[in-house]
Amino acid sequence: MGATSLTRDRGSLTHRARYALRNPGRVPAHARRAARDAWLRLRYGHDHIAYYRAVMASDAARCTEAAVGHNPSPDRWAQIGRMQFDYLVRHGLRPEHRMLEIGCGNLRAGRLFIDHLDSGNYYGIDISPDILIAAQDTLVREGLQAKLPHLTLTDDLTFAFLPDAHFDVVHAHSVFSHSPAHVIDECLAHVGRILAPGGFFDFTFDRTEGTEHQVLHEDFYYRTETLAGLADRHGLSARFLDDWEALPHRQSKLRVTAAPERAREAGSVS
């Protein structure tokens, strides 16, 4: 990402006007998104989970691949999934690990994780029933039924139905890029409880080095230090993953682990 793009406020009227002049063919689609945003905000108010579930239902009705990543190309869908998988395997994801994928979608990367992990070790959660039905279709298409993955609809990120110290790897790709700060804070407040000793939580986010902002309540841009500060507030340590930046994706990635004192406490309990 260039320095200019990292300081740009994509929600500003000036940016939107310049973007429209440079990309006139995209104006009708943006106008449709803006109209949808206005209607859904009127209907759901400050309930962002309900709001974004409706966004996903609208996108999935057109194309499930487009609903996961806003790109209708099956090749690009597969490429982004493979990139996520290869990165985690390079970073030590092993078949015996238990993995939770937050915002599993239609298993763009999940199908690869499921195949790699031992039977029953993959847990995928999502707020969208429409996309989870598409995930089931992916399982059938890929012939992965025997791996017994867990796919669960959720209303929040408290993980209340999951056991303590259970997951070696928690993963969220393109989730926080669509989440306001209070949703991210809720996740970080509870993810430490479900991380196994030595486990980690990787998540991507849309990074800015300028003013934090959002576009149509669908895309949120954060400074790295803001998210690291939220993690620290909940007894977690966050590390910026520089090697992810070299990959062909526009988001950045942080790895969150239990702070040393918290890890020692978890080890003494287990």
C-alpha atoms as a PDB file:
ATOM      1  CA  MET A   1       0.000   0.000   0.000  1.00  0.00           C
ATOM      2  CA  GLY A   2       1.365   3.385  -0.961  1.00  0.00           C
ATOM      3  CA  ALA A   3       1.760   6.232   1.505  1.00  0.00           C
ATOM      4  CA  THR A   4      -1.003   8.234  -0.177  1.00  0.00           C
ATOM      5  CA  SER A   5      -3.556   5.426   0.047  1.00  0.00           C
ATOM      6  CA  LEU A   6      -2.762   4.954   3.747  1.00  0.00           C
ATOM      7  CA  THR A   7      -3.652   8.554   4.587  1.00  0.00           C
ATOM      8  CA  ARG A   8      -6.664   8.930   2.281  1.00  0.00           C
ATOM      9  CA  ASP A   9     -10.147   9.357   3.810  1.00  0.00           C
ATOM     10  CA  ARG A  10     -12.289   7.286   1.453  1.00  0.00           C
ATOM     11  CA  GLY A  11     -15.470   8.465   3.121  1.00  0.00           C
ATOM     12  CA  SER A  12     -14.886  12.153   2.409  1.00  0.00           C
ATOM     13  CA  LEU A  13     -16.975  13.964  -0.169  1.00  0.00           C
ATOM     14  CA  THR A  14     -13.803  15.129  -1.961  1.00  0.00           C
ATOM     15  CA  HIS A  15     -12.471  11.596  -2.351  1.00  0.00           C
ATOM     16  CA  ARG A  16     -15.826  10.272  -3.537  1.00  0.00           C
ATOM     17  CA  ALA A  17     -16.173  13.041  -6.113  1.00  0.00           C
ATOM     18  CA  ARG A  18     -12.659  12.434  -7.472  1.00  0.00           C
ATOM     19  CA  TYR A  19     -13.219   8.681  -7.531  1.00  0.00           C
ATOM     20  CA  ALA A  20     -16.466   9.142  -9.469  1.00  0.00           C
ATOM     21  CA  LEU A  21     -14.730  11.318 -12.054  1.00  0.00           C
ATOM     22  CA  ARG A  22     -11.963   8.739 -12.509  1.00  0.00           C
ATOM     23  CA  ASN A  23     -14.327   5.735 -12.483  1.00  0.00           C
ATOM     24  CA  PRO A  24     -17.691   6.819 -13.969  1.00  0.00           C
ATOM     25  CA  GLY A  25     -18.667   3.203 -14.697  1.00  0.00           C
ATOM     26  CA  ARG A  26     -18.695   2.409 -10.976  1.00  0.00           C
ATOM     27  CA  VAL A  27     -21.002   5.245  -9.979  1.00  0.00           C
ATOM     28  CA  PRO A  28     -24.305   3.314 -10.467  1.00  0.00           C
ATOM     29  CA  ALA A  29     -23.118   0.431  -8.248  1.00  0.00           C
ATOM     30  CA  HIS A  30     -21.976   2.860  -5.551  1.00  0.00           C
ATOM     31  CA  ALA A  31     -25.298   4.689  -5.752  1.00  0.00           C
ATOM     32  CA  ARG A  32     -27.132   1.384  -5.219  1.00  0.00           C
ATOM     33  CA  ARG A  33     -24.938   0.638  -2.192  1.00  0.00           C
ATOM     34  CA  ALA A  34     -25.599   4.114  -0.792  1.00  0.00           C
ATOM     35  CA  ALA A  35     -29.365   3.680  -1.176  1.00  0.00           C
ATOM     36  CA  ARG A  36     -29.167   0.253   0.494  1.00  0.00           C
ATOM     37  CA  ASP A  37     -27.099   1.713   3.314  1.00  0.00           C
ATOM     38  CA  ALA A  38     -29.675   4.446   3.953  1.00  0.00           C
ATOM     39  CA  TRP A  39     -32.555   1.961   4.024  1.00  0.00           C
ATOM     40  CA  LEU A  40     -30.791  -0.567   6.264  1.00  0.00           C
ATOM     41  CA  ARG A  41     -29.620   2.099   8.709  1.00  0.00           C
ATOM     42  CA  LEU A  42     -33.198   3.331   8.968  1.00  0.00           C
ATOM     43  CA  ARG A  43     -34.411  -0.236   9.565  1.00  0.00           C
ATOM     44  CA  TYR A  44     -31.721  -1.508  11.968  1.00  0.00           C
ATOM     45  CA  GLY A  45     -30.385   1.647  13.594  1.00  0.00           C
ATOM     46  CA  HIS A  46     -27.238   0.962  15.637  1.00  0.00           C
ATOM     47  CA  ASP A  47     -27.501  -2.852  15.474  1.00  0.00           C
ATOM     48  CA  HIS A  48     -24.502  -3.423  13.224  1.00  0.00           C
ATOM     49  CA  ILE A  49     -24.773  -7.227  13.279  1.00  0.00           C
ATOM     50  CA  ALA A  50     -28.346  -7.103  11.956  1.00  0.00           C
ATOM     51  CA  TYR A  51     -27.330  -4.394   9.484  1.00  0.00           C
ATOM     52  CA  TYR A  52     -24.416  -6.359   8.052  1.00  0.00           C
ATOM     53  CA  ARG A  53     -26.390  -9.623   8.018  1.00  0.00           C
ATOM     54  CA  ALA A  54     -28.837  -7.846   5.702  1.00  0.00           C
ATOM     55  CA  VAL A  55     -25.927  -6.599   3.548  1.00  0.00           C
ATOM     56  CA  MET A  56     -24.673 -10.175   3.218  1.00  0.00           C
ATOM     57  CA  ALA A  57     -28.153 -11.437   2.328  1.00  0.00           C
ATOM     58  CA  SER A  58     -28.395  -8.798  -0.392  1.00  0.00           C
ATOM     59  CA  ASP A  59     -24.939  -9.592  -1.802  1.00  0.00           C
ATOM     60  CA  ALA A  60     -25.384 -13.371  -1.560  1.00  0.00           C
ATOM     61  CA  ALA A  61     -28.654 -13.158  -3.489  1.00  0.00           C
ATOM     62  CA  ARG A  62     -26.653 -11.840  -6.434  1.00  0.00           C
ATOM     63  CA  CYS A  63     -23.538 -14.014  -6.089  1.00  0.00           C
ATOM     64  CA  THR A  64     -22.090 -15.801  -3.063  1.00  0.00           C
ATOM     65  CA  GLU A  65     -18.530 -15.316  -4.329  1.00  0.00           C
ATOM     66  CA  ALA A  66     -19.190 -11.583  -4.645  1.00  0.00           C
ATOM     67  CA  ALA A  67     -20.590 -11.523  -1.115  1.00  0.00           C
ATOM     68  CA  VAL A  68     -17.250 -12.834   0.153  1.00  0.00           C
ATOM     69  CA  GLY A  69     -14.752 -10.233  -0.939  1.00  0.00           C
ATOM     70  CA  HIS A  70     -16.877  -8.141  -3.328  1.00  0.00           C
ATOM     71  CA  ASN A  71     -15.264  -9.851  -6.308  1.00  0.00           C
ATOM     72  CA  PRO A  72     -17.360 -12.032  -8.622  1.00  0.00           C
ATOM     73  CA  SER A  73     -14.381 -13.855 -10.151  1.00  0.00           C
ATOM     74  CA  PRO A  74     -14.199 -17.545  -9.089  1.00  0.00           C
ATOM     75  CA  ASP A  75     -10.457 -17.499  -9.812  1.00  0.00           C
ATOM     76  CA  ARG A  76      -9.885 -14.559  -7.494  1.00  0.00           C
ATOM     77  CA  TRP A  77     -12.109 -16.188  -4.851  1.00  0.00           C
ATOM     78  CA  ALA A  78      -9.925 -19.302  -4.968  1.00  0.00           C
ATOM     79  CA  GLN A  79      -6.687 -17.286  -5.059  1.00  0.00           C
ATOM     80  CA  ILE A  80      -7.519 -15.312  -1.905  1.00  0.00           C
ATOM     81  CA  GLY A  81      -8.529 -18.502  -0.103  1.00  0.00           C
ATOM     82  CA  ARG A  82      -5.291 -20.223  -1.083  1.00  0.00           C
ATOM     83  CA  MET A  83      -3.262 -17.194   0.050  1.00  0.00           C
ATOM     84  CA  GLN A  84      -4.825 -17.320   3.528  1.00  0.00           C
ATOM     85  CA  PHE A  85      -4.252 -21.069   3.786  1.00  0.00           C
ATOM     86  CA  ASP A  86      -0.643 -21.014   2.594  1.00  0.00           C
ATOM     87  CA  TYR A  87       0.199 -18.200   4.994  1.00  0.00           C
ATOM     88  CA  LEU A  88      -1.127 -20.010   8.067  1.00  0.00           C
ATOM     89  CA  VAL A  89       0.522 -23.291   7.089  1.00  0.00           C
ATOM     90  CA  ARG A  90       3.841 -21.459   6.733  1.00  0.00           C
ATOM     91  CA  HIS A  91       3.219 -20.061  10.188  1.00  0.00           C
ATOM     92  CA  GLY A  92       2.773 -23.500  11.708  1.00  0.00           C
ATOM     93  CA  LEU A  93      -0.859 -24.595  11.271  1.00  0.00           C
ATOM     94  CA  ARG A  94      -0.776 -28.373  11.782  1.00  0.00           C
ATOM     95  CA  PRO A  95      -3.468 -31.028  11.243  1.00  0.00           C
ATOM     96  CA  GLU A  96      -3.836 -31.672  14.977  1.00  0.00           C
ATOM     97  CA  HIS A  97      -4.563 -28.015  15.718  1.00  0.00           C
ATOM     98  CA  ARG A  98      -8.077 -26.897  16.571  1.00  0.00           C
ATOM     99  CA  MET A  99      -9.066 -23.860  14.562  1.00  0.00           C
ATOM    100  CA  LEU A 100     -11.859 -21.308  14.788  1.00  0.00           C
ATOM    101  CA  GLU A 101     -12.560 -19.195  11.710  1.00  0.00           C
ATOM    102  CA  ILE A 102     -14.580 -16.060  12.468  1.00  0.00           C
ATOM    103  CA  GLY A 103     -16.586 -14.988   9.428  1.00  0.00           C
ATOM    104  CA  CYS A 104     -16.019 -18.280   7.627  1.00  0.00           C
ATOM    105  CA  GLY A 105     -18.297 -17.216   4.757  1.00  0.00           C
ATOM    106  CA  ASN A 106     -18.777 -19.788   2.020  1.00  0.00           C
ATOM    107  CA  LEU A 107     -15.452 -21.448   2.954  1.00  0.00           C
ATOM    108  CA  ARG A 108     -13.244 -19.555   0.542  1.00  0.00           C
ATOM    109  CA  ALA A 109     -10.262 -20.537   2.726  1.00  0.00           C
ATOM    110  CA  GLY A 110     -12.211 -22.824   5.049  1.00  0.00           C
ATOM    111  CA  ARG A 111     -12.426 -25.638   2.504  1.00  0.00           C
ATOM    112  CA  LEU A 112      -8.610 -25.801   2.528  1.00  0.00           C
ATOM    113  CA  PHE A 113      -8.371 -25.589   6.317  1.00  0.00           C
ATOM    114  CA  ILE A 114     -10.957 -28.366   6.695  1.00  0.00           C
ATOM    115  CA  ASP A 115      -9.058 -30.637   4.322  1.00  0.00           C
ATOM    116  CA  HIS A 116      -5.759 -29.929   6.123  1.00  0.00           C
ATOM    117  CA  LEU A 117      -7.009 -30.368   9.692  1.00  0.00           C
ATOM    118  CA  ASP A 118      -7.871 -33.596  11.455  1.00  0.00           C
ATOM    119  CA  SER A 119     -11.550 -34.533  11.421  1.00  0.00           C
ATOM    120  CA  GLY A 120     -13.674 -32.326  13.658  1.00  0.00           C
ATOM    121  CA  ASN A 121     -10.955 -29.723  14.267  1.00  0.00           C
ATOM    122  CA  TYR A 122     -12.442 -26.905  12.161  1.00  0.00           C
ATOM    123  CA  TYR A 123     -15.056 -24.546  13.601  1.00  0.00           C
ATOM    124  CA  GLY A 124     -16.522 -21.848  11.374  1.00  0.00           C
ATOM    125  CA  ILE A 125     -18.887 -19.141  12.576  1.00  0.00           C
ATOM    126  CA  ASP A 126     -20.711 -16.446  10.638  1.00  0.00           C
ATOM    127  CA  ILE A 127     -23.525 -13.959  11.186  1.00  0.00           C
ATOM    128  CA  SER A 128     -25.147 -14.762   7.825  1.00  0.00           C
ATOM    129  CA  PRO A 129     -27.449 -17.774   7.418  1.00  0.00           C
ATOM    130  CA  ASP A 130     -27.384 -17.233   3.648  1.00  0.00           C
ATOM    131  CA  ILE A 131     -23.611 -17.559   3.465  1.00  0.00           C
ATOM    132  CA  LEU A 132     -23.591 -20.611   5.762  1.00  0.00           C
ATOM    133  CA  ILE A 133     -25.977 -22.374   3.388  1.00  0.00           C
ATOM    134  CA  ALA A 134     -23.491 -21.557   0.638  1.00  0.00           C
ATOM    135  CA  ALA A 135     -20.754 -23.005   2.882  1.00  0.00           C
ATOM    136  CA  GLN A 136     -22.651 -26.285   3.036  1.00  0.00           C
ATOM    137  CA  ASP A 137     -22.767 -26.301  -0.756  1.00  0.00           C
ATOM    138  CA  THR A 138     -18.980 -25.832  -0.794  1.00  0.00           C
ATOM    139  CA  LEU A 139     -18.543 -28.799   1.551  1.00  0.00           C
ATOM    140  CA  VAL A 140     -20.550 -31.008  -0.796  1.00  0.00           C
ATOM    141  CA  ARG A 141     -18.767 -29.745  -3.905  1.00  0.00           C
ATOM    142  CA  GLU A 142     -15.355 -30.383  -2.323  1.00  0.00           C
ATOM    143  CA  GLY A 143     -16.358 -33.751  -0.845  1.00  0.00           C
ATOM    144  CA  LEU A 144     -15.409 -32.746   2.703  1.00  0.00           C
ATOM    145  CA  GLN A 145     -18.383 -34.118   4.627  1.00  0.00           C
ATOM    146  CA  ALA A 146     -16.304 -36.821   6.339  1.00  0.00           C
ATOM    147  CA  LYS A 147     -14.083 -34.178   7.963  1.00  0.00           C
ATOM    148  CA  LEU A 148     -17.071 -33.192  10.155  1.00  0.00           C
ATOM    149  CA  PRO A 149     -16.518 -29.421  10.263  1.00  0.00           C
ATOM    150  CA  HIS A 150     -18.610 -27.346  12.659  1.00  0.00           C
ATOM    151  CA  LEU A 151     -20.517 -24.468  10.998  1.00  0.00           C
ATOM    152  CA  THR A 152     -22.439 -22.237  13.380  1.00  0.00           C
ATOM    153  CA  LEU A 153     -24.597 -19.139  13.063  1.00  0.00           C
ATOM    154  CA  THR A 154     -23.790 -16.470  15.634  1.00  0.00           C
ATOM    155  CA  ASP A 155     -25.229 -13.135  16.749  1.00  0.00           C
ATOM    156  CA  ASP A 156     -22.143 -11.750  18.468  1.00  0.00           C
ATOM    157  CA  LEU A 157     -18.444 -12.316  19.111  1.00  0.00           C
ATOM    158  CA  THR A 158     -18.556 -13.326  22.764  1.00  0.00           C
ATOM    159  CA  PHE A 159     -17.964 -17.027  21.904  1.00  0.00           C
ATOM    160  CA  ALA A 160     -20.129 -17.943  24.907  1.00  0.00           C
ATOM    161  CA  PHE A 161     -20.975 -21.390  23.449  1.00  0.00           C
ATOM    162  CA  LEU A 162     -17.305 -22.364  23.027  1.00  0.00           C
ATOM    163  CA  PRO A 163     -15.042 -23.918  25.705  1.00  0.00           C
ATOM    164  CA  ASP A 164     -12.139 -22.284  27.524  1.00  0.00           C
ATOM    165  CA  ALA A 165      -8.564 -22.654  26.200  1.00  0.00           C
ATOM    166  CA  HIS A 166      -9.705 -24.755  23.234  1.00  0.00           C
ATOM    167  CA  PHE A 167      -8.357 -23.234  20.003  1.00  0.00           C
ATOM    168  CA  ASP A 168      -4.757 -23.237  18.850  1.00  0.00           C
ATOM    169  CA  VAL A 169      -5.562 -20.888  15.965  1.00  0.00           C
ATOM    170  CA  VAL A 170      -8.321 -18.301  15.624  1.00  0.00           C
ATOM    171  CA  HIS A 171      -8.560 -16.589  12.238  1.00  0.00           C
ATOM    172  CA  ALA A 172     -10.624 -13.706  10.857  1.00  0.00           C
ATOM    173  CA  HIS A 173     -10.095 -12.523   7.292  1.00  0.00           C
ATOM    174  CA  SER A 174     -11.990  -9.427   6.093  1.00  0.00           C
ATOM    175  CA  VAL A 175     -14.118  -9.317   9.252  1.00  0.00           C
ATOM    176  CA  PHE A 176     -12.740  -6.318  11.141  1.00  0.00           C
ATOM    177  CA  SER A 177     -12.606  -4.402   7.853  1.00  0.00           C
ATOM    178  CA  HIS A 178     -16.423  -4.462   8.044  1.00  0.00           C
ATOM    179  CA  SER A 179     -16.755  -3.933  11.813  1.00  0.00           C
ATOM    180  CA  PRO A 180     -17.149  -0.820  13.962  1.00  0.00           C
ATOM    181  CA  ALA A 181     -14.821  -0.487  16.940  1.00  0.00           C
ATOM    182  CA  HIS A 182     -17.297  -1.806  19.521  1.00  0.00           C
ATOM    183  CA  VAL A 183     -17.648  -5.119  17.639  1.00  0.00           C
ATOM    184  CA  ILE A 184     -13.857  -5.515  17.478  1.00  0.00           C
ATOM    185  CA  ASP A 185     -13.582  -4.643  21.163  1.00  0.00           C
ATOM    186  CA  GLU A 186     -16.172  -7.317  22.020  1.00  0.00           C
ATOM    187  CA  CYS A 187     -14.187  -9.924  20.101  1.00  0.00           C
ATOM    188  CA  LEU A 188     -10.890  -9.002  21.759  1.00  0.00           C
ATOM    189  CA  ALA A 189     -12.547  -8.994  25.167  1.00  0.00           C
ATOM    190  CA  HIS A 190     -13.496 -12.663  24.802  1.00  0.00           C
ATOM    191  CA  VAL A 191     -11.057 -14.312  22.395  1.00  0.00           C
ATOM    192  CA  GLY A 192      -8.377 -14.731  25.064  1.00  0.00           C
ATOM    193  CA  ARG A 193     -10.647 -17.084  27.003  1.00  0.00           C
ATOM    194  CA  ILE A 194     -10.945 -19.563  24.127  1.00  0.00           C
ATOM    195  CA  LEU A 195      -7.276 -19.476  23.048  1.00  0.00           C
ATOM    196  CA  ALA A 196      -5.276 -22.537  24.071  1.00  0.00           C
ATOM    197  CA  PRO A 197      -1.879 -21.942  25.725  1.00  0.00           C
ATOM    198  CA  GLY A 198       0.488 -20.869  22.967  1.00  0.00           C
ATOM    199  CA  GLY A 199      -2.413 -20.171  20.602  1.00  0.00           C
ATOM    200  CA  PHE A 200      -2.803 -17.085  18.430  1.00  0.00           C
ATOM    201  CA  PHE A 201      -5.495 -15.013  16.752  1.00  0.00           C
ATOM    202  CA  ASP A 202      -4.744 -13.596  13.289  1.00  0.00           C
ATOM    203  CA  PHE A 203      -7.009 -10.955  11.784  1.00  0.00           C
ATOM    204  CA  THR A 204      -6.850  -8.642   8.799  1.00  0.00           C
ATOM    205  CA  PHE A 205      -7.995  -5.039   8.776  1.00  0.00           C
ATOM    206  CA  ASP A 206      -8.117  -2.057   6.448  1.00  0.00           C
ATOM    207  CA  ARG A 207      -5.208   0.088   7.622  1.00  0.00           C
ATOM    208  CA  THR A 208      -4.930   3.844   7.560  1.00  0.00           C
ATOM    209  CA  GLU A 209      -2.190   6.107   8.818  1.00  0.00           C
ATOM    210  CA  GLY A 210      -4.508   9.093   8.615  1.00  0.00           C
ATOM    211  CA  THR A 211      -7.914   9.745  10.145  1.00  0.00           C
ATOM    212  CA  GLU A 212      -9.882   6.621  10.997  1.00  0.00           C
ATOM    213  CA  HIS A 213     -13.066   6.504   8.952  1.00  0.00           C
ATOM    214  CA  GLN A 214     -15.773   4.346   7.425  1.00  0.00           C
ATOM    215  CA  VAL A 215     -17.528   4.139   4.072  1.00  0.00           C
ATOM    216  CA  LEU A 216     -21.275   3.404   3.982  1.00  0.00           C
ATOM    217  CA  HIS A 217     -21.058   1.556   7.340  1.00  0.00           C
ATOM    218  CA  GLU A 218     -19.634  -1.389   5.369  1.00  0.00           C
ATOM    219  CA  ASP A 219     -15.901  -0.624   5.225  1.00  0.00           C
ATOM    220  CA  PHE A 220     -13.914   0.583   8.240  1.00  0.00           C
ATOM    221  CA  TYR A 221     -10.337   1.889   8.288  1.00  0.00           C
ATOM    222  CA  TYR A 222      -8.228   1.749  11.467  1.00  0.00           C
ATOM    223  CA  ARG A 223      -4.782   2.760  12.617  1.00  0.00           C
ATOM    224  CA  THR A 224      -2.618  -0.166  13.721  1.00  0.00           C
ATOM    225  CA  GLU A 225      -2.043   1.354  17.157  1.00  0.00           C
ATOM    226  CA  THR A 226      -5.797   1.625  17.765  1.00  0.00           C
ATOM    227  CA  LEU A 227      -6.346  -2.115  17.370  1.00  0.00           C
ATOM    228  CA  ALA A 228      -3.155  -2.982  19.258  1.00  0.00           C
ATOM    229  CA  GLY A 229      -4.390  -0.741  22.072  1.00  0.00           C
ATOM    230  CA  LEU A 230      -7.740  -2.539  22.198  1.00  0.00           C
ATOM    231  CA  ALA A 231      -5.913  -5.870  22.446  1.00  0.00           C
ATOM    232  CA  ASP A 232      -3.687  -4.581  25.245  1.00  0.00           C
ATOM    233  CA  ARG A 233      -6.746  -3.396  27.156  1.00  0.00           C
ATOM    234  CA  HIS A 234      -7.904  -7.013  27.307  1.00  0.00           C
ATOM    235  CA  GLY A 235      -4.581  -8.536  28.363  1.00  0.00           C
ATOM    236  CA  LEU A 236      -3.455  -9.460  24.852  1.00  0.00           C
ATOM    237  CA  SER A 237      -0.322  -8.625  22.887  1.00  0.00           C
ATOM    238  CA  ALA A 238      -0.605  -7.608  19.218  1.00  0.00           C
ATOM    239  CA  ARG A 239       2.142  -7.887  16.594  1.00  0.00           C
ATOM    240  CA  PHE A 240       2.029  -6.425  13.086  1.00  0.00           C
ATOM    241  CA  LEU A 241       2.764  -9.154  10.512  1.00  0.00           C
ATOM    242  CA  ASP A 242       5.144  -7.532   8.031  1.00  0.00           C
ATOM    243  CA  ASP A 243       5.475 -10.607   5.803  1.00  0.00           C
ATOM    244  CA  TRP A 244       1.743 -10.469   5.030  1.00  0.00           C
ATOM    245  CA  GLU A 245       2.230  -7.016   3.464  1.00  0.00           C
ATOM    246  CA  ALA A 246       4.181  -8.502   0.558  1.00  0.00           C
ATOM    247  CA  LEU A 247       1.211 -10.636  -0.536  1.00  0.00           C
ATOM    248  CA  PRO A 248      -1.319  -9.503  -3.200  1.00  0.00           C
ATOM    249  CA  HIS A 249      -4.005  -8.245  -0.845  1.00  0.00           C
ATOM    250  CA  ARG A 250      -4.904  -4.717   0.218  1.00  0.00           C
ATOM    251  CA  GLN A 251      -5.473  -5.445   3.900  1.00  0.00           C
ATOM    252  CA  SER A 252      -2.962  -5.628   6.738  1.00  0.00           C
ATOM    253  CA  LYS A 253      -2.726  -8.309   9.412  1.00  0.00           C
ATOM    254  CA  LEU A 254      -2.167  -8.427  13.173  1.00  0.00           C
ATOM    255  CA  ARG A 255      -1.409 -11.456  15.347  1.00  0.00           C
ATOM    256  CA  VAL A 256      -2.817 -11.422  18.878  1.00  0.00           C
ATOM    257  CA  THR A 257      -1.541 -13.671  21.649  1.00  0.00           C
ATOM    258  CA  ALA A 258      -2.094 -13.844  25.383  1.00  0.00           C
ATOM    259  CA  ALA A 259       0.213 -11.529  27.327  1.00  0.00           C
ATOM    260  CA  PRO A 260       2.910 -13.530  29.198  1.00  0.00           C
ATOM    261  CA  GLU A 261       1.212 -13.345  32.592  1.00  0.00           C
ATOM    262  CA  ARG A 262      -2.117 -14.442  31.119  1.00  0.00           C
ATOM    263  CA  ALA A 263      -0.467 -17.321  29.265  1.00  0.00           C
ATOM    264  CA  ARG A 264       1.108 -18.508  32.515  1.00  0.00           C
ATOM    265  CA  GLU A 265      -2.296 -18.425  34.218  1.00  0.00           C
ATOM    266  CA  ALA A 266      -3.854 -20.496  31.410  1.00  0.00           C
ATOM    267  CA  GLY A 267      -0.998 -22.994  31.594  1.00  0.00           C
ATOM    268  CA  SER A 268      -1.437 -23.462  35.310  1.00  0.00           C
ATOM    269  CA  VAL A 269      -5.165 -24.148  34.861  1.00  0.00           C
ATOM    270  CA  SER A 270      -4.623 -26.671  32.034  1.00  0.00           C
END
